[in-house]
Amino acid sequence: MPPLHPISRTALIRKLKNSGFAGPYSATRHQYMEKGSQRIFIPNPHGQDIGVPLIKQIIKQLEIDRETFLEL
């Protein structure tokens, strides 16, 4: 199983768009992307990459495996 590495916010948005999500849309505190009734909140941009623990949470919400996420 290939290891996960921190990724930029724009790379995460690109992966979600490749997966069929639309957005990002503004919400109260964070932006989100949606696909049908599924909604994924995007971390705020602070000039740093998104860490592995948060990427793991997003993968779990997407209900896909790690390899599929890395291929997006």
C-alpha atoms as a PDB file:
ATOM      1  CA  MET A   1       0.000   0.000   0.000  1.00  0.00           C
ATOM      2  CA  PRO A   2       1.585   3.316  -1.050  1.00  0.00           C
ATOM      3  CA  PRO A   3       2.124   5.831   1.743  1.00  0.00           C
ATOM      4  CA  LEU A   4       0.157   9.055   1.988  1.00  0.00           C
ATOM      5  CA  HIS A   5       1.966  12.374   1.938  1.00  0.00           C
ATOM      6  CA  PRO A   6       0.729  15.880   2.767  1.00  0.00           C
ATOM      7  CA  ILE A   7      -0.853  17.597  -0.254  1.00  0.00           C
ATOM      8  CA  SER A   8      -1.768  21.158  -1.091  1.00  0.00           C
ATOM      9  CA  ARG A   9      -5.329  22.432  -0.871  1.00  0.00           C
ATOM     10  CA  THR A  10      -5.460  22.939  -4.644  1.00  0.00           C
ATOM     11  CA  ALA A  11      -4.333  19.331  -5.210  1.00  0.00           C
ATOM     12  CA  LEU A  12      -7.117  18.112  -2.880  1.00  0.00           C
ATOM     13  CA  ILE A  13      -9.710  20.191  -4.749  1.00  0.00           C
ATOM     14  CA  ARG A  14      -8.418  18.814  -8.071  1.00  0.00           C
ATOM     15  CA  LYS A  15      -8.712  15.229  -6.787  1.00  0.00           C
ATOM     16  CA  LEU A  16     -12.260  15.841  -5.576  1.00  0.00           C
ATOM     17  CA  LYS A  17     -13.242  17.386  -8.925  1.00  0.00           C
ATOM     18  CA  ASN A  18     -11.766  14.360 -10.715  1.00  0.00           C
ATOM     19  CA  SER A  19     -13.971  12.244  -8.470  1.00  0.00           C
ATOM     20  CA  GLY A  20     -17.102  14.111  -9.613  1.00  0.00           C
ATOM     21  CA  PHE A  21     -17.484  16.731  -6.878  1.00  0.00           C
ATOM     22  CA  ALA A  22     -18.601  20.277  -7.689  1.00  0.00           C
ATOM     23  CA  GLY A  23     -17.425  23.411  -5.937  1.00  0.00           C
ATOM     24  CA  PRO A  24     -15.878  24.621  -3.733  1.00  0.00           C
ATOM     25  CA  TYR A  25     -18.785  26.572  -2.283  1.00  0.00           C
ATOM     26  CA  SER A  26     -18.656  28.965   0.660  1.00  0.00           C
ATOM     27  CA  ALA A  27     -20.187  27.984   3.979  1.00  0.00           C
ATOM     28  CA  THR A  28     -20.055  29.595   7.408  1.00  0.00           C
ATOM     29  CA  ARG A  29     -16.508  28.643   8.382  1.00  0.00           C
ATOM     30  CA  HIS A  30     -15.155  26.353   5.678  1.00  0.00           C
ATOM     31  CA  GLN A  31     -15.699  25.817   2.001  1.00  0.00           C
ATOM     32  CA  TYR A  32     -17.224  22.538   0.890  1.00  0.00           C
ATOM     33  CA  MET A  33     -17.631  20.454  -2.230  1.00  0.00           C
ATOM     34  CA  GLU A  34     -20.595  18.261  -3.026  1.00  0.00           C
ATOM     35  CA  LYS A  35     -21.540  15.314  -5.184  1.00  0.00           C
ATOM     36  CA  GLY A  36     -25.233  14.487  -5.054  1.00  0.00           C
ATOM     37  CA  SER A  37     -26.148  14.498  -1.363  1.00  0.00           C
ATOM     38  CA  GLN A  38     -22.549  13.933  -0.198  1.00  0.00           C
ATOM     39  CA  ARG A  39     -20.754  16.995   1.169  1.00  0.00           C
ATOM     40  CA  ILE A  40     -17.023  17.214   1.974  1.00  0.00           C
ATOM     41  CA  PHE A  41     -15.659  20.213   3.860  1.00  0.00           C
ATOM     42  CA  ILE A  42     -12.339  21.607   2.644  1.00  0.00           C
ATOM     43  CA  PRO A  43      -9.715  22.869   5.119  1.00  0.00           C
ATOM     44  CA  ASN A  44      -9.065  26.609   5.073  1.00  0.00           C
ATOM     45  CA  PRO A  45      -5.971  27.753   3.180  1.00  0.00           C
ATOM     46  CA  HIS A  46      -3.209  28.769   5.552  1.00  0.00           C
ATOM     47  CA  GLY A  47      -0.244  28.387   3.235  1.00  0.00           C
ATOM     48  CA  GLN A  48       0.528  24.886   4.468  1.00  0.00           C
ATOM     49  CA  ASP A  49      -0.157  21.463   3.054  1.00  0.00           C
ATOM     50  CA  ILE A  50      -2.994  19.323   4.362  1.00  0.00           C
ATOM     51  CA  GLY A  51      -1.610  16.726   6.744  1.00  0.00           C
ATOM     52  CA  VAL A  52      -1.948  12.957   6.515  1.00  0.00           C
ATOM     53  CA  PRO A  53      -4.441  12.572   9.430  1.00  0.00           C
ATOM     54  CA  LEU A  54      -6.896  14.962   7.760  1.00  0.00           C
ATOM     55  CA  ILE A  55      -6.395  13.280   4.381  1.00  0.00           C
ATOM     56  CA  LYS A  56      -7.256   9.940   6.031  1.00  0.00           C
ATOM     57  CA  GLN A  57     -10.483  11.451   7.400  1.00  0.00           C
ATOM     58  CA  ILE A  58     -11.412  12.764   3.953  1.00  0.00           C
ATOM     59  CA  ILE A  59     -10.722   9.356   2.358  1.00  0.00           C
ATOM     60  CA  LYS A  60     -12.971   7.755   4.976  1.00  0.00           C
ATOM     61  CA  GLN A  61     -15.757  10.262   4.218  1.00  0.00           C
ATOM     62  CA  LEU A  62     -15.382   9.561   0.496  1.00  0.00           C
ATOM     63  CA  GLU A  63     -15.733   5.825   1.205  1.00  0.00           C
ATOM     64  CA  ILE A  64     -12.873   4.926  -1.143  1.00  0.00           C
ATOM     65  CA  ASP A  65      -9.565   3.204  -0.555  1.00  0.00           C
ATOM     66  CA  ARG A  66      -6.154   4.854  -0.405  1.00  0.00           C
ATOM     67  CA  GLU A  67      -5.057   3.641  -3.866  1.00  0.00           C
ATOM     68  CA  THR A  68      -8.156   5.091  -5.501  1.00  0.00           C
ATOM     69  CA  PHE A  69      -7.558   8.431  -3.798  1.00  0.00           C
ATOM     70  CA  LEU A  70      -3.942   8.534  -4.956  1.00  0.00           C
ATOM     71  CA  GLU A  71      -5.004   7.795  -8.556  1.00  0.00           C
ATOM     72  CA  LEU A  72      -7.493  10.692  -8.720  1.00  0.00           C
END
